[in-house]
Amino acid sequence: MTSLTKKFSHAFEKDEGHVHIEIEAKPYSNPYLVGIGLGLVLLASFVIMGRGLGASGALSTLVASGVNAIAPDHASHNPFYSEYLGDGTTNPLKDWLIFQVIGVLVGGFLSGTISHRVKKGIEKGPHISTKMRLIYAFVGGGLLGWGAKLARGCMSGQALTGGAVLNLGSWAFMMMVFAGGYGAAYFMRRQWI
């Protein structure tokens, strides 16, 4: 048994006695090596594309393109949508952030498949229903998206790109993300343990 692979034994009470089930934990990547790799990807993004990483701009471009397809007059006169649609000489869906997000989705799926982690299911703690887990996930995702627009960038754009160029607002943003996460964890922990 390696240090990355551990076996856990759980005992469950049954009418006829105890049943022991051994579950083998799947190894994760070394977080330090992954951090170095992410830093190199960010550096390559600056060198090759001339800009850093981010994801929320891709969703904004998709929304702006959708509104433009349905109501082009409204989209062209709205400052938010027109910023993402550009001057009309190129298709906004050819933006590199769209391809970056597609690459993240494909890469994540391939990584999960290679490490045998892709499975159908909803991860949740023992003290929460599936319905409430999905409601919390939807509300949390909505708040995260709203916060990304208020902060003028998602966590990857703010933390990685903004932090790498020593943007004070990005560092303040990340301090608040950790403060909020640690503050909320105390109240949400009962759902997972």
C-alpha atoms as a PDB file:
ATOM      1  CA  MET A   1       0.000   0.000   0.000  1.00  0.00           C
ATOM      2  CA  THR A   2       1.497   3.347  -1.049  1.00  0.00           C
ATOM      3  CA  SER A   3       1.212   6.602   0.871  1.00  0.00           C
ATOM      4  CA  LEU A   4      -1.255   7.876  -1.733  1.00  0.00           C
ATOM      5  CA  THR A   5      -3.528   4.844  -1.526  1.00  0.00           C
ATOM      6  CA  LYS A   6      -5.085   4.079   1.829  1.00  0.00           C
ATOM      7  CA  LYS A   7      -7.711   1.572   2.827  1.00  0.00           C
ATOM      8  CA  PHE A   8     -10.570   2.550   5.074  1.00  0.00           C
ATOM      9  CA  SER A   9     -12.632   0.052   7.044  1.00  0.00           C
ATOM     10  CA  HIS A  10     -16.164   0.941   8.072  1.00  0.00           C
ATOM     11  CA  ALA A  11     -18.338  -1.156  10.371  1.00  0.00           C
ATOM     12  CA  PHE A  12     -22.107  -1.143   9.962  1.00  0.00           C
ATOM     13  CA  GLU A  13     -24.522  -2.635  12.515  1.00  0.00           C
ATOM     14  CA  LYS A  14     -26.863  -5.265  11.090  1.00  0.00           C
ATOM     15  CA  ASP A  15     -29.272  -7.736  12.665  1.00  0.00           C
ATOM     16  CA  GLU A  16     -26.937 -10.690  12.109  1.00  0.00           C
ATOM     17  CA  GLY A  17     -23.795  -8.885  13.340  1.00  0.00           C
ATOM     18  CA  HIS A  18     -21.157  -6.509  12.013  1.00  0.00           C
ATOM     19  CA  VAL A  19     -20.359  -6.089   8.343  1.00  0.00           C
ATOM     20  CA  HIS A  20     -16.954  -4.643   7.442  1.00  0.00           C
ATOM     21  CA  ILE A  21     -16.565  -2.909   4.097  1.00  0.00           C
ATOM     22  CA  GLU A  22     -13.154  -1.864   2.815  1.00  0.00           C
ATOM     23  CA  ILE A  23     -13.068   1.130   0.511  1.00  0.00           C
ATOM     24  CA  GLU A  24      -9.880   1.903  -1.369  1.00  0.00           C
ATOM     25  CA  ALA A  25      -9.242   5.634  -1.717  1.00  0.00           C
ATOM     26  CA  LYS A  26      -8.192   6.795  -5.156  1.00  0.00           C
ATOM     27  CA  PRO A  27      -4.947   8.782  -5.191  1.00  0.00           C
ATOM     28  CA  TYR A  28      -4.978  12.480  -5.987  1.00  0.00           C
ATOM     29  CA  SER A  29      -2.237  14.412  -7.712  1.00  0.00           C
ATOM     30  CA  ASN A  30       0.417  16.112  -5.667  1.00  0.00           C
ATOM     31  CA  PRO A  31      -1.003  19.629  -5.022  1.00  0.00           C
ATOM     32  CA  TYR A  32       2.435  21.261  -5.222  1.00  0.00           C
ATOM     33  CA  LEU A  33       3.133  19.778  -8.639  1.00  0.00           C
ATOM     34  CA  VAL A  34      -0.352  20.727  -9.822  1.00  0.00           C
ATOM     35  CA  GLY A  35       0.219  24.295  -8.569  1.00  0.00           C
ATOM     36  CA  ILE A  36       3.503  24.514 -10.479  1.00  0.00           C
ATOM     37  CA  GLY A  37       1.756  23.150 -13.569  1.00  0.00           C
ATOM     38  CA  LEU A  38      -1.045  25.699 -13.243  1.00  0.00           C
ATOM     39  CA  GLY A  39       1.529  28.465 -12.908  1.00  0.00           C
ATOM     40  CA  LEU A  40       3.241  27.278 -16.087  1.00  0.00           C
ATOM     41  CA  VAL A  41      -0.116  27.210 -17.917  1.00  0.00           C
ATOM     42  CA  LEU A  42      -0.758  30.788 -16.757  1.00  0.00           C
ATOM     43  CA  LEU A  43       2.722  31.851 -17.913  1.00  0.00           C
ATOM     44  CA  ALA A  44       2.142  30.174 -21.294  1.00  0.00           C
ATOM     45  CA  SER A  45      -1.191  31.981 -21.571  1.00  0.00           C
ATOM     46  CA  PHE A  46       0.510  35.346 -21.031  1.00  0.00           C
ATOM     47  CA  VAL A  47       3.320  34.519 -23.479  1.00  0.00           C
ATOM     48  CA  ILE A  48       1.203  32.959 -26.245  1.00  0.00           C
ATOM     49  CA  MET A  49      -2.135  34.800 -25.972  1.00  0.00           C
ATOM     50  CA  GLY A  50      -0.975  38.022 -24.339  1.00  0.00           C
ATOM     51  CA  ARG A  51      -3.515  37.671 -21.525  1.00  0.00           C
ATOM     52  CA  GLY A  52      -4.190  35.481 -18.523  1.00  0.00           C
ATOM     53  CA  LEU A  53      -6.770  32.854 -17.642  1.00  0.00           C
ATOM     54  CA  GLY A  54     -10.444  33.340 -16.834  1.00  0.00           C
ATOM     55  CA  ALA A  55     -13.842  31.751 -17.374  1.00  0.00           C
ATOM     56  CA  SER A  56     -16.671  34.190 -16.654  1.00  0.00           C
ATOM     57  CA  GLY A  57     -16.014  36.141 -19.859  1.00  0.00           C
ATOM     58  CA  ALA A  58     -16.865  33.020 -21.876  1.00  0.00           C
ATOM     59  CA  LEU A  59     -20.292  32.752 -20.252  1.00  0.00           C
ATOM     60  CA  SER A  60     -20.916  36.462 -20.765  1.00  0.00           C
ATOM     61  CA  THR A  61     -20.006  36.068 -24.450  1.00  0.00           C
ATOM     62  CA  LEU A  62     -22.426  33.147 -24.797  1.00  0.00           C
ATOM     63  CA  VAL A  63     -25.228  35.138 -23.148  1.00  0.00           C
ATOM     64  CA  ALA A  64     -24.525  38.200 -25.303  1.00  0.00           C
ATOM     65  CA  SER A  65     -24.514  36.046 -28.451  1.00  0.00           C
ATOM     66  CA  GLY A  66     -27.801  34.434 -27.431  1.00  0.00           C
ATOM     67  CA  VAL A  67     -29.456  37.807 -26.793  1.00  0.00           C
ATOM     68  CA  ASN A  68     -28.065  39.077 -30.088  1.00  0.00           C
ATOM     69  CA  ALA A  69     -29.598  36.099 -31.922  1.00  0.00           C
ATOM     70  CA  ILE A  70     -33.028  36.740 -30.365  1.00  0.00           C
ATOM     71  CA  ALA A  71     -33.097  40.542 -30.085  1.00  0.00           C
ATOM     72  CA  PRO A  72     -30.226  42.067 -32.109  1.00  0.00           C
ATOM     73  CA  ASP A  73     -31.489  45.650 -31.745  1.00  0.00           C
ATOM     74  CA  HIS A  74     -31.553  45.359 -27.950  1.00  0.00           C
ATOM     75  CA  ALA A  75     -28.107  43.743 -27.845  1.00  0.00           C
ATOM     76  CA  SER A  76     -26.505  46.401 -30.028  1.00  0.00           C
ATOM     77  CA  HIS A  77     -27.842  49.249 -27.847  1.00  0.00           C
ATOM     78  CA  ASN A  78     -26.961  47.613 -24.530  1.00  0.00           C
ATOM     79  CA  PRO A  79     -23.453  48.540 -23.298  1.00  0.00           C
ATOM     80  CA  PHE A  80     -22.968  45.179 -21.518  1.00  0.00           C
ATOM     81  CA  TYR A  81     -23.864  43.035 -24.529  1.00  0.00           C
ATOM     82  CA  SER A  82     -22.149  45.235 -27.093  1.00  0.00           C
ATOM     83  CA  GLU A  83     -18.878  44.966 -25.137  1.00  0.00           C
ATOM     84  CA  TYR A  84     -18.897  41.193 -25.694  1.00  0.00           C
ATOM     85  CA  LEU A  85     -20.271  41.300 -29.258  1.00  0.00           C
ATOM     86  CA  GLY A  86     -17.536  43.607 -30.545  1.00  0.00           C
ATOM     87  CA  ASP A  87     -17.807  45.683 -33.717  1.00  0.00           C
ATOM     88  CA  GLY A  88     -19.396  42.909 -35.794  1.00  0.00           C
ATOM     89  CA  THR A  89     -16.346  42.156 -37.946  1.00  0.00           C
ATOM     90  CA  THR A  90     -15.681  38.823 -36.190  1.00  0.00           C
ATOM     91  CA  ASN A  91     -17.913  36.230 -34.601  1.00  0.00           C
ATOM     92  CA  PRO A  92     -17.840  36.741 -30.796  1.00  0.00           C
ATOM     93  CA  LEU A  93     -17.915  32.964 -30.314  1.00  0.00           C
ATOM     94  CA  LYS A  94     -14.404  32.805 -31.797  1.00  0.00           C
ATOM     95  CA  ASP A  95     -13.090  34.440 -28.627  1.00  0.00           C
ATOM     96  CA  TRP A  96     -10.249  32.472 -27.097  1.00  0.00           C
ATOM     97  CA  LEU A  97     -12.016  32.258 -23.698  1.00  0.00           C
ATOM     98  CA  ILE A  98     -14.746  30.126 -25.294  1.00  0.00           C
ATOM     99  CA  PHE A  99     -12.129  27.641 -26.486  1.00  0.00           C
ATOM    100  CA  GLN A 100     -10.327  27.782 -23.135  1.00  0.00           C
ATOM    101  CA  VAL A 101     -13.512  26.812 -21.263  1.00  0.00           C
ATOM    102  CA  ILE A 102     -14.233  24.018 -23.763  1.00  0.00           C
ATOM    103  CA  GLY A 103     -10.657  22.805 -23.195  1.00  0.00           C
ATOM    104  CA  VAL A 104     -11.146  22.873 -19.419  1.00  0.00           C
ATOM    105  CA  LEU A 105     -14.335  20.791 -19.716  1.00  0.00           C
ATOM    106  CA  VAL A 106     -12.757  18.267 -22.111  1.00  0.00           C
ATOM    107  CA  GLY A 107      -9.523  18.129 -20.092  1.00  0.00           C
ATOM    108  CA  GLY A 108     -11.402  17.634 -16.822  1.00  0.00           C
ATOM    109  CA  PHE A 109     -13.450  14.815 -18.338  1.00  0.00           C
ATOM    110  CA  LEU A 110     -10.347  13.132 -19.763  1.00  0.00           C
ATOM    111  CA  SER A 111      -8.498  13.488 -16.464  1.00  0.00           C
ATOM    112  CA  GLY A 112     -11.437  12.034 -14.545  1.00  0.00           C
ATOM    113  CA  THR A 113     -11.756   9.171 -17.022  1.00  0.00           C
ATOM    114  CA  ILE A 114      -8.044   8.312 -16.859  1.00  0.00           C
ATOM    115  CA  SER A 115      -8.113   8.283 -13.037  1.00  0.00           C
ATOM    116  CA  HIS A 116     -11.416   6.321 -12.963  1.00  0.00           C
ATOM    117  CA  ARG A 117     -13.292   9.107 -11.141  1.00  0.00           C
ATOM    118  CA  VAL A 118     -16.072   9.711 -13.669  1.00  0.00           C
ATOM    119  CA  LYS A 119     -19.342   8.355 -12.342  1.00  0.00           C
ATOM    120  CA  LYS A 120     -22.956   9.384 -12.344  1.00  0.00           C
ATOM    121  CA  GLY A 121     -24.183  10.668  -9.012  1.00  0.00           C
ATOM    122  CA  ILE A 122     -24.683  13.587  -6.659  1.00  0.00           C
ATOM    123  CA  GLU A 123     -22.095  14.043  -3.951  1.00  0.00           C
ATOM    124  CA  LYS A 124     -23.619  15.025  -0.645  1.00  0.00           C
ATOM    125  CA  GLY A 125     -23.265  14.486   3.048  1.00  0.00           C
ATOM    126  CA  PRO A 126     -25.402  12.077   5.071  1.00  0.00           C
ATOM    127  CA  HIS A 127     -27.525  14.815   6.664  1.00  0.00           C
ATOM    128  CA  ILE A 128     -28.877  16.511   3.550  1.00  0.00           C
ATOM    129  CA  SER A 129     -31.396  15.415   0.959  1.00  0.00           C
ATOM    130  CA  THR A 130     -30.581  15.303  -2.750  1.00  0.00           C
ATOM    131  CA  LYS A 131     -33.140  18.066  -3.366  1.00  0.00           C
ATOM    132  CA  MET A 132     -31.567  20.414  -0.798  1.00  0.00           C
ATOM    133  CA  ARG A 133     -28.058  19.627  -2.095  1.00  0.00           C
ATOM    134  CA  LEU A 134     -29.135  20.668  -5.606  1.00  0.00           C
ATOM    135  CA  ILE A 135     -30.868  23.804  -4.287  1.00  0.00           C
ATOM    136  CA  TYR A 136     -27.735  24.805  -2.340  1.00  0.00           C
ATOM    137  CA  ALA A 137     -25.558  24.132  -5.399  1.00  0.00           C
ATOM    138  CA  PHE A 138     -27.823  26.219  -7.652  1.00  0.00           C
ATOM    139  CA  VAL A 139     -28.031  29.144  -5.195  1.00  0.00           C
ATOM    140  CA  GLY A 140     -24.288  28.998  -4.487  1.00  0.00           C
ATOM    141  CA  GLY A 141     -23.450  28.909  -8.184  1.00  0.00           C
ATOM    142  CA  GLY A 142     -25.765  31.845  -8.846  1.00  0.00           C
ATOM    143  CA  LEU A 143     -24.166  33.875  -6.047  1.00  0.00           C
ATOM    144  CA  LEU A 144     -20.716  32.982  -7.362  1.00  0.00           C
ATOM    145  CA  GLY A 145     -21.672  34.133 -10.883  1.00  0.00           C
ATOM    146  CA  TRP A 146     -23.184  37.359  -9.559  1.00  0.00           C
ATOM    147  CA  GLY A 147     -20.085  37.959  -7.447  1.00  0.00           C
ATOM    148  CA  ALA A 148     -17.861  37.340 -10.471  1.00  0.00           C
ATOM    149  CA  LYS A 149     -19.657  40.114 -12.364  1.00  0.00           C
ATOM    150  CA  LEU A 150     -19.423  42.482  -9.376  1.00  0.00           C
ATOM    151  CA  ALA A 151     -15.724  41.692  -8.951  1.00  0.00           C
ATOM    152  CA  ARG A 152     -15.109  42.074 -12.699  1.00  0.00           C
ATOM    153  CA  GLY A 153     -13.813  38.546 -12.984  1.00  0.00           C
ATOM    154  CA  CYS A 154     -14.226  35.008 -11.742  1.00  0.00           C
ATOM    155  CA  MET A 155     -11.966  33.317  -9.242  1.00  0.00           C
ATOM    156  CA  SER A 156      -9.610  32.064 -11.933  1.00  0.00           C
ATOM    157  CA  GLY A 157      -9.384  35.481 -13.566  1.00  0.00           C
ATOM    158  CA  GLN A 158      -9.050  37.370 -10.294  1.00  0.00           C
ATOM    159  CA  ALA A 159      -6.896  34.954  -8.302  1.00  0.00           C
ATOM    160  CA  LEU A 160      -4.628  33.596 -11.010  1.00  0.00           C
ATOM    161  CA  THR A 161      -4.367  36.364 -13.569  1.00  0.00           C
ATOM    162  CA  GLY A 162      -4.911  39.351 -11.289  1.00  0.00           C
ATOM    163  CA  GLY A 163      -2.812  37.857  -8.514  1.00  0.00           C
ATOM    164  CA  ALA A 164       0.027  37.081 -10.917  1.00  0.00           C
ATOM    165  CA  VAL A 165       0.251  40.713 -12.011  1.00  0.00           C
ATOM    166  CA  LEU A 166       0.021  41.834  -8.339  1.00  0.00           C
ATOM    167  CA  ASN A 167      -3.354  43.538  -8.761  1.00  0.00           C
ATOM    168  CA  LEU A 168      -4.347  44.798  -5.297  1.00  0.00           C
ATOM    169  CA  GLY A 169      -8.068  44.287  -5.993  1.00  0.00           C
ATOM    170  CA  SER A 170      -7.434  40.653  -6.936  1.00  0.00           C
ATOM    171  CA  TRP A 171      -5.523  40.010  -3.724  1.00  0.00           C
ATOM    172  CA  ALA A 172      -8.296  41.663  -1.677  1.00  0.00           C
ATOM    173  CA  PHE A 173     -10.869  39.572  -3.571  1.00  0.00           C
ATOM    174  CA  MET A 174      -9.073  36.322  -2.759  1.00  0.00           C
ATOM    175  CA  MET A 175      -8.687  37.241   0.914  1.00  0.00           C
ATOM    176  CA  MET A 176     -12.459  37.766   1.051  1.00  0.00           C
ATOM    177  CA  VAL A 177     -13.104  34.466  -0.795  1.00  0.00           C
ATOM    178  CA  PHE A 178     -11.124  32.589   1.849  1.00  0.00           C
ATOM    179  CA  ALA A 179     -12.688  34.570   4.705  1.00  0.00           C
ATOM    180  CA  GLY A 180     -16.175  33.895   3.353  1.00  0.00           C
ATOM    181  CA  GLY A 181     -15.418  30.227   2.743  1.00  0.00           C
ATOM    182  CA  TYR A 182     -14.030  29.647   6.214  1.00  0.00           C
ATOM    183  CA  GLY A 183     -16.859  31.664   7.763  1.00  0.00           C
ATOM    184  CA  ALA A 184     -19.573  29.713   5.944  1.00  0.00           C
ATOM    185  CA  ALA A 185     -17.884  26.330   6.469  1.00  0.00           C
ATOM    186  CA  TYR A 186     -18.695  26.379  10.190  1.00  0.00           C
ATOM    187  CA  PHE A 187     -22.426  26.662   9.475  1.00  0.00           C
ATOM    188  CA  MET A 188     -22.479  24.239   6.522  1.00  0.00           C
ATOM    189  CA  ARG A 189     -20.269  21.498   8.000  1.00  0.00           C
ATOM    190  CA  ARG A 190     -23.243  19.653   9.519  1.00  0.00           C
ATOM    191  CA  GLN A 191     -24.435  18.869   5.991  1.00  0.00           C
ATOM    192  CA  TRP A 192     -21.233  16.909   5.269  1.00  0.00           C
ATOM    193  CA  ILE A 193     -20.318  15.170   8.537  1.00  0.00           C
END
